[in-house]
Amino acid sequence: MPAPTFVEVLPPTKSAPRSGVRWTPSGPGAGVLVIEKPRVVATYAVTEFGTPWDGRAFRLVCLGGQSDADATTYDVFAARNGQDHRCDCKGFSYGRGRPCKHVAAALALLENGWI
């Protein structure tokens, strides 16, 4: 029997009023994540890794469709306090700490109990 796929709509942003994620788990703390935005559909292999910070950390390995052709992986931190999230993508850096699509997707996975 194939693994289930879960779907969630992401909160609207100025650049992406409609976006969402599809999550297909492959094991504990791992799976395939698809982030769908109006002009980009990006696919990532996700694995959770340990962190000394108060929260959970994930590595997203690009499998295709990412908007930054030079990037191959992103590390995302979802803070337990709900405000100190981090991502090493350009969108998070240039957005002056505003959540990027990677953080929004990781939060959706956690809030839905999918990972």
PDB file of N, CA and C in Angstrom:
ATOM      1  N   MET A   1       0.837  -1.175   0.000  1.00  0.00           N
ATOM      2  CA  MET A   1       0.000   0.000   0.000  1.00  0.00           C
ATOM      3  C   MET A   1       0.885   1.241   0.000  1.00  0.00           C
ATOM      4  N   PRO A   2       0.651   2.208  -0.892  1.00  0.00           N
ATOM      5  CA  PRO A   2       1.493   3.408  -0.948  1.00  0.00           C
ATOM      6  C   PRO A   2       1.294   4.284   0.287  1.00  0.00           C
ATOM      7  N   ALA A   3       2.321   5.071   0.602  1.00  0.00           N
ATOM      8  CA  ALA A   3       2.248   5.990   1.738  1.00  0.00           C
ATOM      9  C   ALA A   3       1.196   7.062   1.464  1.00  0.00           C
ATOM     10  N   PRO A   4       0.484   7.504   2.494  1.00  0.00           N
ATOM     11  CA  PRO A   4      -0.507   8.559   2.290  1.00  0.00           C
ATOM     12  C   PRO A   4       0.178   9.884   1.981  1.00  0.00           C
ATOM     13  N   THR A   5      -0.523  10.755   1.283  1.00  0.00           N
ATOM     14  CA  THR A   5      -0.038  12.103   1.024  1.00  0.00           C
ATOM     15  C   THR A   5      -0.993  13.069   1.688  1.00  0.00           C
ATOM     16  N   PHE A   6      -0.432  14.010   2.446  1.00  0.00           N
ATOM     17  CA  PHE A   6      -1.220  15.003   3.163  1.00  0.00           C
ATOM     18  C   PHE A   6      -1.090  16.345   2.450  1.00  0.00           C
ATOM     19  N   VAL A   7      -2.151  17.138   2.482  1.00  0.00           N
ATOM     20  CA  VAL A   7      -2.176  18.427   1.782  1.00  0.00           C
ATOM     21  C   VAL A   7      -2.604  19.515   2.751  1.00  0.00           C
ATOM     22  N   GLU A   8      -1.960  20.684   2.664  1.00  0.00           N
ATOM     23  CA  GLU A   8      -2.288  21.825   3.524  1.00  0.00           C
ATOM     24  C   GLU A   8      -2.113  23.110   2.737  1.00  0.00           C
ATOM     25  N   VAL A   9      -3.005  24.065   2.946  1.00  0.00           N
ATOM     26  CA  VAL A   9      -2.878  25.399   2.369  1.00  0.00           C
ATOM     27  C   VAL A   9      -1.999  26.214   3.309  1.00  0.00           C
ATOM     28  N   LEU A  10      -1.035  26.948   2.745  1.00  0.00           N
ATOM     29  CA  LEU A  10      -0.162  27.802   3.554  1.00  0.00           C
ATOM     30  C   LEU A  10      -0.784  29.180   3.722  1.00  0.00           C
ATOM     31  N   PRO A  11      -0.416  29.887   4.795  1.00  0.00           N
ATOM     32  CA  PRO A  11      -0.924  31.250   4.973  1.00  0.00           C
ATOM     33  C   PRO A  11      -0.529  32.126   3.780  1.00  0.00           C
ATOM     34  N   PRO A  12      -1.425  33.004   3.336  1.00  0.00           N
ATOM     35  CA  PRO A  12      -1.098  33.864   2.195  1.00  0.00           C
ATOM     36  C   PRO A  12       0.001  34.868   2.542  1.00  0.00           C
ATOM     37  N   THR A  13       0.817  35.178   1.548  1.00  0.00           N
ATOM     38  CA  THR A  13       1.831  36.221   1.676  1.00  0.00           C
ATOM     39  C   THR A  13       1.645  37.192   0.528  1.00  0.00           C
ATOM     40  N   LYS A  14       2.352  38.307   0.586  1.00  0.00           N
ATOM     41  CA  LYS A  14       2.260  39.311  -0.470  1.00  0.00           C
ATOM     42  C   LYS A  14       2.658  38.729  -1.826  1.00  0.00           C
ATOM     43  N   SER A  15       3.740  37.942  -1.848  1.00  0.00           N
ATOM     44  CA  SER A  15       4.227  37.388  -3.111  1.00  0.00           C
ATOM     45  C   SER A  15       3.498  36.107  -3.524  1.00  0.00           C
ATOM     46  N   ALA A  16       2.824  35.447  -2.586  1.00  0.00           N
ATOM     47  CA  ALA A  16       2.127  34.197  -2.899  1.00  0.00           C
ATOM     48  C   ALA A  16       0.800  34.130  -2.136  1.00  0.00           C
ATOM     49  N   PRO A  17      -0.230  34.769  -2.682  1.00  0.00           N
ATOM     50  CA  PRO A  17      -1.513  34.746  -1.980  1.00  0.00           C
ATOM     51  C   PRO A  17      -2.127  33.351  -1.894  1.00  0.00           C
ATOM     52  N   ARG A  18      -1.722  32.459  -2.817  1.00  0.00           N
ATOM     53  CA  ARG A  18      -2.207  31.077  -2.802  1.00  0.00           C
ATOM     54  C   ARG A  18      -1.011  30.135  -2.918  1.00  0.00           C
ATOM     55  N   SER A  19      -0.802  29.350  -1.887  1.00  0.00           N
ATOM     56  CA  SER A  19       0.258  28.343  -1.928  1.00  0.00           C
ATOM     57  C   SER A  19      -0.117  27.213  -0.984  1.00  0.00           C
ATOM     58  N   GLY A  20       0.564  26.097  -1.156  1.00  0.00           N
ATOM     59  CA  GLY A  20       0.258  24.955  -0.316  1.00  0.00           C
ATOM     60  C   GLY A  20       1.390  23.952  -0.320  1.00  0.00           C
ATOM     61  N   VAL A  21       1.226  22.915   0.491  1.00  0.00           N
ATOM     62  CA  VAL A  21       2.226  21.856   0.581  1.00  0.00           C
ATOM     63  C   VAL A  21       1.555  20.505   0.443  1.00  0.00           C
ATOM     64  N   ARG A  22       2.330  19.553  -0.076  1.00  0.00           N
ATOM     65  CA  ARG A  22       1.962  18.143  -0.095  1.00  0.00           C
ATOM     66  C   ARG A  22       3.075  17.406   0.627  1.00  0.00           C
ATOM     67  N   TRP A  23       2.729  16.516   1.528  1.00  0.00           N
ATOM     68  CA  TRP A  23       3.707  15.783   2.335  1.00  0.00           C
ATOM     69  C   TRP A  23       3.441  14.291   2.220  1.00  0.00           C
ATOM     70  N   THR A  24       4.472  13.548   1.835  1.00  0.00           N
ATOM     71  CA  THR A  24       4.402  12.092   1.781  1.00  0.00           C
ATOM     72  C   THR A  24       5.494  11.555   2.694  1.00  0.00           C
ATOM     73  N   PRO A  25       5.120  11.049   3.874  1.00  0.00           N
ATOM     74  CA  PRO A  25       6.136  10.538   4.800  1.00  0.00           C
ATOM     75  C   PRO A  25       6.782   9.265   4.267  1.00  0.00           C
ATOM     76  N   SER A  26       8.072   9.097   4.604  1.00  0.00           N
ATOM     77  CA  SER A  26       8.789   7.889   4.207  1.00  0.00           C
ATOM     78  C   SER A  26       9.349   7.141   5.415  1.00  0.00           C
ATOM     79  N   GLY A  27       9.185   7.713   6.589  1.00  0.00           N
ATOM     80  CA  GLY A  27       9.670   7.116   7.826  1.00  0.00           C
ATOM     81  C   GLY A  27       9.632   8.161   8.913  1.00  0.00           C
ATOM     82  N   PRO A  28      10.045   7.803  10.123  1.00  0.00           N
ATOM     83  CA  PRO A  28      10.049   8.786  11.210  1.00  0.00           C
ATOM     84  C   PRO A  28      10.955   9.982  10.882  1.00  0.00           C
ATOM     85  N   GLY A  29      10.399  11.179  10.923  1.00  0.00           N
ATOM     86  CA  GLY A  29      11.186  12.390  10.680  1.00  0.00           C
ATOM     87  C   GLY A  29      11.678  12.547   9.262  1.00  0.00           C
ATOM     88  N   ALA A  30      11.044  11.885   8.296  1.00  0.00           N
ATOM     89  CA  ALA A  30      11.526  11.957   6.909  1.00  0.00           C
ATOM     90  C   ALA A  30      10.360  11.824   5.934  1.00  0.00           C
ATOM     91  N   GLY A  31      10.565  12.393   4.736  1.00  0.00           N
ATOM     92  CA  GLY A  31       9.553  12.273   3.698  1.00  0.00           C
ATOM     93  C   GLY A  31       9.856  13.188   2.531  1.00  0.00           C
ATOM     94  N   VAL A  32       8.882  13.282   1.630  1.00  0.00           N
ATOM     95  CA  VAL A  32       9.005  14.150   0.464  1.00  0.00           C
ATOM     96  C   VAL A  32       7.995  15.274   0.605  1.00  0.00           C
ATOM     97  N   LEU A  33       8.494  16.491   0.481  1.00  0.00           N
ATOM     98  CA  LEU A  33       7.699  17.704   0.627  1.00  0.00           C
ATOM     99  C   LEU A  33       7.627  18.409  -0.719  1.00  0.00           C
ATOM    100  N   VAL A  34       6.428  18.776  -1.129  1.00  0.00           N
ATOM    101  CA  VAL A  34       6.242  19.567  -2.339  1.00  0.00           C
ATOM    102  C   VAL A  34       5.615  20.884  -1.913  1.00  0.00           C
ATOM    103  N   ILE A  35       6.280  21.995  -2.248  1.00  0.00           N
ATOM    104  CA  ILE A  35       5.751  23.335  -1.960  1.00  0.00           C
ATOM    105  C   ILE A  35       5.255  23.912  -3.278  1.00  0.00           C
ATOM    106  N   GLU A  36       3.963  24.211  -3.321  1.00  0.00           N
ATOM    107  CA  GLU A  36       3.343  24.737  -4.531  1.00  0.00           C
ATOM    108  C   GLU A  36       3.013  26.208  -4.345  1.00  0.00           C
ATOM    109  N   LYS A  37       3.605  27.022  -5.206  1.00  0.00           N
ATOM    110  CA  LYS A  37       3.321  28.459  -5.231  1.00  0.00           C
ATOM    111  C   LYS A  37       2.821  28.785  -6.637  1.00  0.00           C
ATOM    112  N   PRO A  38       2.271  29.976  -6.855  1.00  0.00           N
ATOM    113  CA  PRO A  38       1.702  30.278  -8.170  1.00  0.00           C
ATOM    114  C   PRO A  38       2.629  30.029  -9.355  1.00  0.00           C
ATOM    115  N   ARG A  39       3.909  30.329  -9.241  1.00  0.00           N
ATOM    116  CA  ARG A  39       4.818  30.173 -10.378  1.00  0.00           C
ATOM    117  C   ARG A  39       5.864  29.084 -10.201  1.00  0.00           C
ATOM    118  N   VAL A  40       5.930  28.474  -9.022  1.00  0.00           N
ATOM    119  CA  VAL A  40       6.981  27.497  -8.741  1.00  0.00           C
ATOM    120  C   VAL A  40       6.402  26.310  -7.965  1.00  0.00           C
ATOM    121  N   VAL A  41       6.775  25.117  -8.392  1.00  0.00           N
ATOM    122  CA  VAL A  41       6.471  23.899  -7.639  1.00  0.00           C
ATOM    123  C   VAL A  41       7.814  23.246  -7.340  1.00  0.00           C
ATOM    124  N   ALA A  42       8.194  23.240  -6.069  1.00  0.00           N
ATOM    125  CA  ALA A  42       9.505  22.727  -5.660  1.00  0.00           C
ATOM    126  C   ALA A  42       9.328  21.463  -4.816  1.00  0.00           C
ATOM    127  N   THR A  43      10.207  20.499  -5.053  1.00  0.00           N
ATOM    128  CA  THR A  43      10.151  19.220  -4.338  1.00  0.00           C
ATOM    129  C   THR A  43      11.424  19.047  -3.518  1.00  0.00           C
ATOM    130  N   TYR A  44      11.263  18.558  -2.277  1.00  0.00           N
ATOM    131  CA  TYR A  44      12.384  18.399  -1.357  1.00  0.00           C
ATOM    132  C   TYR A  44      12.308  17.059  -0.642  1.00  0.00           C
ATOM    133  N   ALA A  45      13.454  16.440  -0.416  1.00  0.00           N
ATOM    134  CA  ALA A  45      13.564  15.310   0.502  1.00  0.00           C
ATOM    135  C   ALA A  45      13.842  15.928   1.868  1.00  0.00           C
ATOM    136  N   VAL A  46      13.055  15.564   2.863  1.00  0.00           N
ATOM    137  CA  VAL A  46      13.163  16.166   4.193  1.00  0.00           C
ATOM    138  C   VAL A  46      13.635  15.125   5.189  1.00  0.00           C
ATOM    139  N   THR A  47      14.612  15.515   6.009  1.00  0.00           N
ATOM    140  CA  THR A  47      15.027  14.687   7.142  1.00  0.00           C
ATOM    141  C   THR A  47      15.182  15.587   8.357  1.00  0.00           C
ATOM    142  N   GLU A  48      14.740  15.089   9.481  1.00  0.00           N
ATOM    143  CA  GLU A  48      14.901  15.833  10.730  1.00  0.00           C
ATOM    144  C   GLU A  48      16.270  15.512  11.304  1.00  0.00           C
ATOM    145  N   PHE A  49      16.911  16.521  11.910  1.00  0.00           N
ATOM    146  CA  PHE A  49      18.185  16.275  12.584  1.00  0.00           C
ATOM    147  C   PHE A  49      18.180  16.959  13.944  1.00  0.00           C
ATOM    148  N   GLY A  50      19.049  16.497  14.830  1.00  0.00           N
ATOM    149  CA  GLY A  50      19.117  17.023  16.180  1.00  0.00           C
ATOM    150  C   GLY A  50      19.650  18.445  16.230  1.00  0.00           C
ATOM    151  N   THR A  51      19.209  19.186  17.231  1.00  0.00           N
ATOM    152  CA  THR A  51      19.668  20.550  17.430  1.00  0.00           C
ATOM    153  C   THR A  51      19.736  20.844  18.927  1.00  0.00           C
ATOM    154  N   PRO A  52      20.727  21.632  19.363  1.00  0.00           N
ATOM    155  CA  PRO A  52      20.788  21.994  20.779  1.00  0.00           C
ATOM    156  C   PRO A  52      19.784  23.107  21.128  1.00  0.00           C
ATOM    157  N   TRP A  53      19.191  23.725  20.135  1.00  0.00           N
ATOM    158  CA  TRP A  53      18.232  24.808  20.362  1.00  0.00           C
ATOM    159  C   TRP A  53      16.875  24.235  20.751  1.00  0.00           C
ATOM    160  N   ASP A  54      16.018  25.063  21.313  1.00  0.00           N
ATOM    161  CA  ASP A  54      14.702  24.644  21.769  1.00  0.00           C
ATOM    162  C   ASP A  54      13.718  24.653  20.595  1.00  0.00           C
ATOM    163  N   GLY A  55      13.674  23.548  19.891  1.00  0.00           N
ATOM    164  CA  GLY A  55      12.804  23.416  18.726  1.00  0.00           C
ATOM    165  C   GLY A  55      13.215  22.206  17.920  1.00  0.00           C
ATOM    166  N   ARG A  56      12.832  22.198  16.659  1.00  0.00           N
ATOM    167  CA  ARG A  56      13.147  21.063  15.787  1.00  0.00           C
ATOM    168  C   ARG A  56      13.801  21.573  14.511  1.00  0.00           C
ATOM    169  N   ALA A  57      14.723  20.773  13.974  1.00  0.00           N
ATOM    170  CA  ALA A  57      15.489  21.180  12.794  1.00  0.00           C
ATOM    171  C   ALA A  57      15.307  20.164  11.671  1.00  0.00           C
ATOM    172  N   PHE A  58      15.275  20.691  10.443  1.00  0.00           N
ATOM    173  CA  PHE A  58      15.055  19.866   9.270  1.00  0.00           C
ATOM    174  C   PHE A  58      16.002  20.265   8.147  1.00  0.00           C
ATOM    175  N   ARG A  59      16.463  19.266   7.408  1.00  0.00           N
ATOM    176  CA  ARG A  59      17.250  19.532   6.199  1.00  0.00           C
ATOM    177  C   ARG A  59      16.351  19.232   5.010  1.00  0.00           C
ATOM    178  N   LEU A  60      16.238  20.209   4.112  1.00  0.00           N
ATOM    179  CA  LEU A  60      15.470  20.064   2.886  1.00  0.00           C
ATOM    180  C   LEU A  60      16.461  19.974   1.741  1.00  0.00           C
ATOM    181  N   VAL A  61      16.505  18.841   1.075  1.00  0.00           N
ATOM    182  CA  VAL A  61      17.384  18.626  -0.074  1.00  0.00           C
ATOM    183  C   VAL A  61      16.542  18.802  -1.329  1.00  0.00           C
ATOM    184  N   CYS A  62      16.956  19.726  -2.169  1.00  0.00           N
ATOM    185  CA  CYS A  62      16.196  20.055  -3.374  1.00  0.00           C
ATOM    186  C   CYS A  62      16.215  18.894  -4.365  1.00  0.00           C
ATOM    187  N   LEU A  63      15.029  18.497  -4.813  1.00  0.00           N
ATOM    188  CA  LEU A  63      14.899  17.449  -5.822  1.00  0.00           C
ATOM    189  C   LEU A  63      14.464  18.017  -7.168  1.00  0.00           C
ATOM    190  N   GLY A  64      14.113  19.303  -7.171  1.00  0.00           N
ATOM    191  CA  GLY A  64      13.723  19.950  -8.421  1.00  0.00           C
ATOM    192  C   GLY A  64      12.695  21.039  -8.212  1.00  0.00           C
ATOM    193  N   GLY A  65      12.718  22.019  -9.114  1.00  0.00           N
ATOM    194  CA  GLY A  65      11.730  23.076  -9.117  1.00  0.00           C
ATOM    195  C   GLY A  65      12.003  24.255  -8.217  1.00  0.00           C
ATOM    196  N   GLN A  66      13.098  24.236  -7.467  1.00  0.00           N
ATOM    197  CA  GLN A  66      13.367  25.342  -6.549  1.00  0.00           C
ATOM    198  C   GLN A  66      13.631  26.631  -7.326  1.00  0.00           C
ATOM    199  N   SER A  67      13.292  27.756  -6.715  1.00  0.00           N
ATOM    200  CA  SER A  67      13.444  29.048  -7.389  1.00  0.00           C
ATOM    201  C   SER A  67      14.892  29.527  -7.420  1.00  0.00           C
ATOM    202  N   ASP A  68      15.744  29.051  -6.518  1.00  0.00           N
ATOM    203  CA  ASP A  68      17.159  29.421  -6.504  1.00  0.00           C
ATOM    204  C   ASP A  68      17.953  28.242  -7.086  1.00  0.00           C
ATOM    205  N   ALA A  69      18.350  28.368  -8.333  1.00  0.00           N
ATOM    206  CA  ALA A  69      19.038  27.267  -9.030  1.00  0.00           C
ATOM    207  C   ALA A  69      20.378  26.910  -8.394  1.00  0.00           C
ATOM    208  N   ASP A  70      20.985  27.842  -7.648  1.00  0.00           N
ATOM    209  CA  ASP A  70      22.277  27.587  -7.023  1.00  0.00           C
ATOM    210  C   ASP A  70      22.167  26.817  -5.710  1.00  0.00           C
ATOM    211  N   ALA A  71      20.994  26.792  -5.117  1.00  0.00           N
ATOM    212  CA  ALA A  71      20.820  26.142  -3.817  1.00  0.00           C
ATOM    213  C   ALA A  71      20.491  24.666  -3.993  1.00  0.00           C
ATOM    214  N   THR A  72      21.097  23.833  -3.162  1.00  0.00           N
ATOM    215  CA  THR A  72      20.801  22.403  -3.212  1.00  0.00           C
ATOM    216  C   THR A  72      20.194  21.899  -1.908  1.00  0.00           C
ATOM    217  N   THR A  73      20.454  22.576  -0.789  1.00  0.00           N
ATOM    218  CA  THR A  73      19.867  22.196   0.499  1.00  0.00           C
ATOM    219  C   THR A  73      19.536  23.444   1.311  1.00  0.00           C
ATOM    220  N   TYR A  74      18.570  23.272   2.183  1.00  0.00           N
ATOM    221  CA  TYR A  74      18.214  24.323   3.140  1.00  0.00           C
ATOM    222  C   TYR A  74      18.083  23.682   4.511  1.00  0.00           C
ATOM    223  N   ASP A  75      18.584  24.352   5.534  1.00  0.00           N
ATOM    224  CA  ASP A  75      18.376  23.919   6.900  1.00  0.00           C
ATOM    225  C   ASP A  75      17.349  24.860   7.527  1.00  0.00           C
ATOM    226  N   VAL A  76      16.320  24.261   8.122  1.00  0.00           N
ATOM    227  CA  VAL A  76      15.200  25.014   8.684  1.00  0.00           C
ATOM    228  C   VAL A  76      15.092  24.678  10.165  1.00  0.00           C
ATOM    229  N   PHE A  77      14.906  25.710  10.986  1.00  0.00           N
ATOM    230  CA  PHE A  77      14.702  25.521  12.420  1.00  0.00           C
ATOM    231  C   PHE A  77      13.328  26.073  12.786  1.00  0.00           C
ATOM    232  N   ALA A  78      12.509  25.225  13.395  1.00  0.00           N
ATOM    233  CA  ALA A  78      11.192  25.630  13.885  1.00  0.00           C
ATOM    234  C   ALA A  78      11.283  25.751  15.397  1.00  0.00           C
ATOM    235  N   ALA A  79      11.283  26.984  15.882  1.00  0.00           N
ATOM    236  CA  ALA A  79      11.447  27.249  17.314  1.00  0.00           C
ATOM    237  C   ALA A  79      10.179  26.896  18.076  1.00  0.00           C
ATOM    238  N   ARG A  80      10.365  26.323  19.257  1.00  0.00           N
ATOM    239  CA  ARG A  80       9.224  25.976  20.100  1.00  0.00           C
ATOM    240  C   ARG A  80       8.482  27.220  20.579  1.00  0.00           C
ATOM    241  N   ASN A  81       9.195  28.351  20.689  1.00  0.00           N
ATOM    242  CA  ASN A  81       8.552  29.573  21.191  1.00  0.00           C
ATOM    243  C   ASN A  81       7.681  30.256  20.131  1.00  0.00           C
ATOM    244  N   GLY A  82       7.685  29.729  18.907  1.00  0.00           N
ATOM    245  CA  GLY A  82       6.810  30.256  17.870  1.00  0.00           C
ATOM    246  C   GLY A  82       7.269  31.523  17.196  1.00  0.00           C
ATOM    247  N   GLN A  83       8.470  32.008  17.525  1.00  0.00           N
ATOM    248  CA  GLN A  83       8.895  33.266  16.907  1.00  0.00           C
ATOM    249  C   GLN A  83      10.336  33.283  16.414  1.00  0.00           C
ATOM    250  N   ASP A  84      11.183  32.419  16.881  1.00  0.00           N
ATOM    251  CA  ASP A  84      12.596  32.466  16.510  1.00  0.00           C
ATOM    252  C   ASP A  84      12.956  31.434  15.434  1.00  0.00           C
ATOM    253  N   HIS A  85      12.088  31.269  14.461  1.00  0.00           N
ATOM    254  CA  HIS A  85      12.333  30.327  13.377  1.00  0.00           C
ATOM    255  C   HIS A  85      13.489  30.834  12.516  1.00  0.00           C
ATOM    256  N   ARG A  86      14.160  29.897  11.846  1.00  0.00           N
ATOM    257  CA  ARG A  86      15.299  30.250  10.992  1.00  0.00           C
ATOM    258  C   ARG A  86      15.323  29.365   9.758  1.00  0.00           C
ATOM    259  N   CYS A  87      15.866  29.923   8.676  1.00  0.00           N
ATOM    260  CA  CYS A  87      16.125  29.162   7.459  1.00  0.00           C
ATOM    261  C   CYS A  87      17.344  29.798   6.815  1.00  0.00           C
ATOM    262  N   ASP A  88      18.178  28.986   6.163  1.00  0.00           N
ATOM    263  CA  ASP A  88      19.374  29.559   5.548  1.00  0.00           C
ATOM    264  C   ASP A  88      19.174  29.886   4.064  1.00  0.00           C
ATOM    265  N   CYS A  89      17.917  29.994   3.622  1.00  0.00           N
ATOM    266  CA  CYS A  89      17.657  30.377   2.227  1.00  0.00           C
ATOM    267  C   CYS A  89      17.767  31.895   2.057  1.00  0.00           C
ATOM    268  N   LYS A  90      17.897  32.322   0.806  1.00  0.00           N
ATOM    269  CA  LYS A  90      17.990  33.753   0.504  1.00  0.00           C
ATOM    270  C   LYS A  90      16.710  34.492   0.869  1.00  0.00           C
ATOM    271  N   GLY A  91      15.567  33.845   0.679  1.00  0.00           N
ATOM    272  CA  GLY A  91      14.290  34.482   0.991  1.00  0.00           C
ATOM    273  C   GLY A  91      14.188  34.869   2.457  1.00  0.00           C
ATOM    274  N   PHE A  92      14.653  34.006   3.347  1.00  0.00           N
ATOM    275  CA  PHE A  92      14.627  34.324   4.775  1.00  0.00           C
ATOM    276  C   PHE A  92      15.630  35.427   5.086  1.00  0.00           C
ATOM    277  N   SER A  93      16.830  35.338   4.509  1.00  0.00           N
ATOM    278  CA  SER A  93      17.868  36.346   4.758  1.00  0.00           C
ATOM    279  C   SER A  93      17.451  37.720   4.256  1.00  0.00           C
ATOM    280  N   TYR A  94      16.965  37.771   3.013  1.00  0.00           N
ATOM    281  CA  TYR A  94      16.575  39.057   2.433  1.00  0.00           C
ATOM    282  C   TYR A  94      15.247  39.552   2.969  1.00  0.00           C
ATOM    283  N   GLY A  95      14.450  38.656   3.523  1.00  0.00           N
ATOM    284  CA  GLY A  95      13.155  39.031   4.088  1.00  0.00           C
ATOM    285  C   GLY A  95      13.266  39.566   5.498  1.00  0.00           C
ATOM    286  N   ARG A  96      14.503  39.745   5.956  1.00  0.00           N
ATOM    287  CA  ARG A  96      14.776  40.293   7.290  1.00  0.00           C
ATOM    288  C   ARG A  96      14.077  39.506   8.402  1.00  0.00           C
ATOM    289  N   GLY A  97      14.142  38.181   8.271  1.00  0.00           N
ATOM    290  CA  GLY A  97      13.614  37.322   9.318  1.00  0.00           C
ATOM    291  C   GLY A  97      12.148  36.957   9.182  1.00  0.00           C
ATOM    292  N   ARG A  98      11.484  37.480   8.159  1.00  0.00           N
ATOM    293  CA  ARG A  98      10.094  37.063   7.948  1.00  0.00           C
ATOM    294  C   ARG A  98      10.112  35.616   7.461  1.00  0.00           C
ATOM    295  N   PRO A  99       9.146  34.809   7.896  1.00  0.00           N
ATOM    296  CA  PRO A  99       9.151  33.406   7.503  1.00  0.00           C
ATOM    297  C   PRO A  99       9.127  33.223   5.984  1.00  0.00           C
ATOM    298  N   CYS A 100       9.955  32.321   5.508  1.00  0.00           N
ATOM    299  CA  CYS A 100      10.009  31.968   4.092  1.00  0.00           C
ATOM    300  C   CYS A 100       9.096  30.766   3.861  1.00  0.00           C
ATOM    301  N   LYS A 101       9.025  30.307   2.625  1.00  0.00           N
ATOM    302  CA  LYS A 101       8.171  29.161   2.311  1.00  0.00           C
ATOM    303  C   LYS A 101       8.655  27.886   2.994  1.00  0.00           C
ATOM    304  N   HIS A 102       9.963  27.785   3.242  1.00  0.00           N
ATOM    305  CA  HIS A 102      10.504  26.590   3.893  1.00  0.00           C
ATOM    306  C   HIS A 102      10.070  26.536   5.356  1.00  0.00           C
ATOM    307  N   VAL A 103      10.140  27.674   6.043  1.00  0.00           N
ATOM    308  CA  VAL A 103       9.687  27.740   7.440  1.00  0.00           C
ATOM    309  C   VAL A 103       8.183  27.485   7.497  1.00  0.00           C
ATOM    310  N   ALA A 104       7.422  28.132   6.617  1.00  0.00           N
ATOM    311  CA  ALA A 104       5.968  27.946   6.611  1.00  0.00           C
ATOM    312  C   ALA A 104       5.615  26.478   6.389  1.00  0.00           C
ATOM    313  N   ALA A 105       6.330  25.808   5.496  1.00  0.00           N
ATOM    314  CA  ALA A 105       6.068  24.398   5.225  1.00  0.00           C
ATOM    315  C   ALA A 105       6.422  23.530   6.433  1.00  0.00           C
ATOM    316  N   ALA A 106       7.571  23.785   7.063  1.00  0.00           N
ATOM    317  CA  ALA A 106       7.969  23.014   8.252  1.00  0.00           C
ATOM    318  C   ALA A 106       6.953  23.201   9.373  1.00  0.00           C
ATOM    319  N   LEU A 107       6.479  24.425   9.559  1.00  0.00           N
ATOM    320  CA  LEU A 107       5.470  24.683  10.592  1.00  0.00           C
ATOM    321  C   LEU A 107       4.172  23.940  10.291  1.00  0.00           C
ATOM    322  N   ALA A 108       3.784  23.881   9.019  1.00  0.00           N
ATOM    323  CA  ALA A 108       2.581  23.143   8.639  1.00  0.00           C
ATOM    324  C   ALA A 108       2.740  21.655   8.965  1.00  0.00           C
ATOM    325  N   LEU A 109       3.931  21.094   8.684  1.00  0.00           N
ATOM    326  CA  LEU A 109       4.167  19.689   9.006  1.00  0.00           C
ATOM    327  C   LEU A 109       4.024  19.435  10.504  1.00  0.00           C
ATOM    328  N   LEU A 110       4.580  20.339  11.298  1.00  0.00           N
ATOM    329  CA  LEU A 110       4.537  20.179  12.758  1.00  0.00           C
ATOM    330  C   LEU A 110       3.139  20.413  13.299  1.00  0.00           C
ATOM    331  N   GLU A 111       2.490  21.483  12.866  1.00  0.00           N
ATOM    332  CA  GLU A 111       1.164  21.818  13.397  1.00  0.00           C
ATOM    333  C   GLU A 111       0.131  20.750  13.077  1.00  0.00           C
ATOM    334  N   ASN A 112       0.288  20.053  11.961  1.00  0.00           N
ATOM    335  CA  ASN A 112      -0.628  18.989  11.589  1.00  0.00           C
ATOM    336  C   ASN A 112      -0.236  17.636  12.172  1.00  0.00           C
ATOM    337  N   GLY A 113       0.919  17.575  12.847  1.00  0.00           N
ATOM    338  CA  GLY A 113       1.380  16.316  13.437  1.00  0.00           C
ATOM    339  C   GLY A 113       1.841  15.308  12.398  1.00  0.00           C
ATOM    340  N   TRP A 114       2.254  15.785  11.238  1.00  0.00           N
ATOM    341  CA  TRP A 114       2.681  14.888  10.163  1.00  0.00           C
ATOM    342  C   TRP A 114       4.113  14.418  10.329  1.00  0.00           C
ATOM    343  N   ILE A 115       4.890  15.132  11.119  1.00  0.00           N
ATOM    344  CA  ILE A 115       6.300  14.764  11.318  1.00  0.00           C
ATOM    345  C   ILE A 115       6.617  14.876  12.799  1.00  0.00           C
TER     346      ILE A 115
END
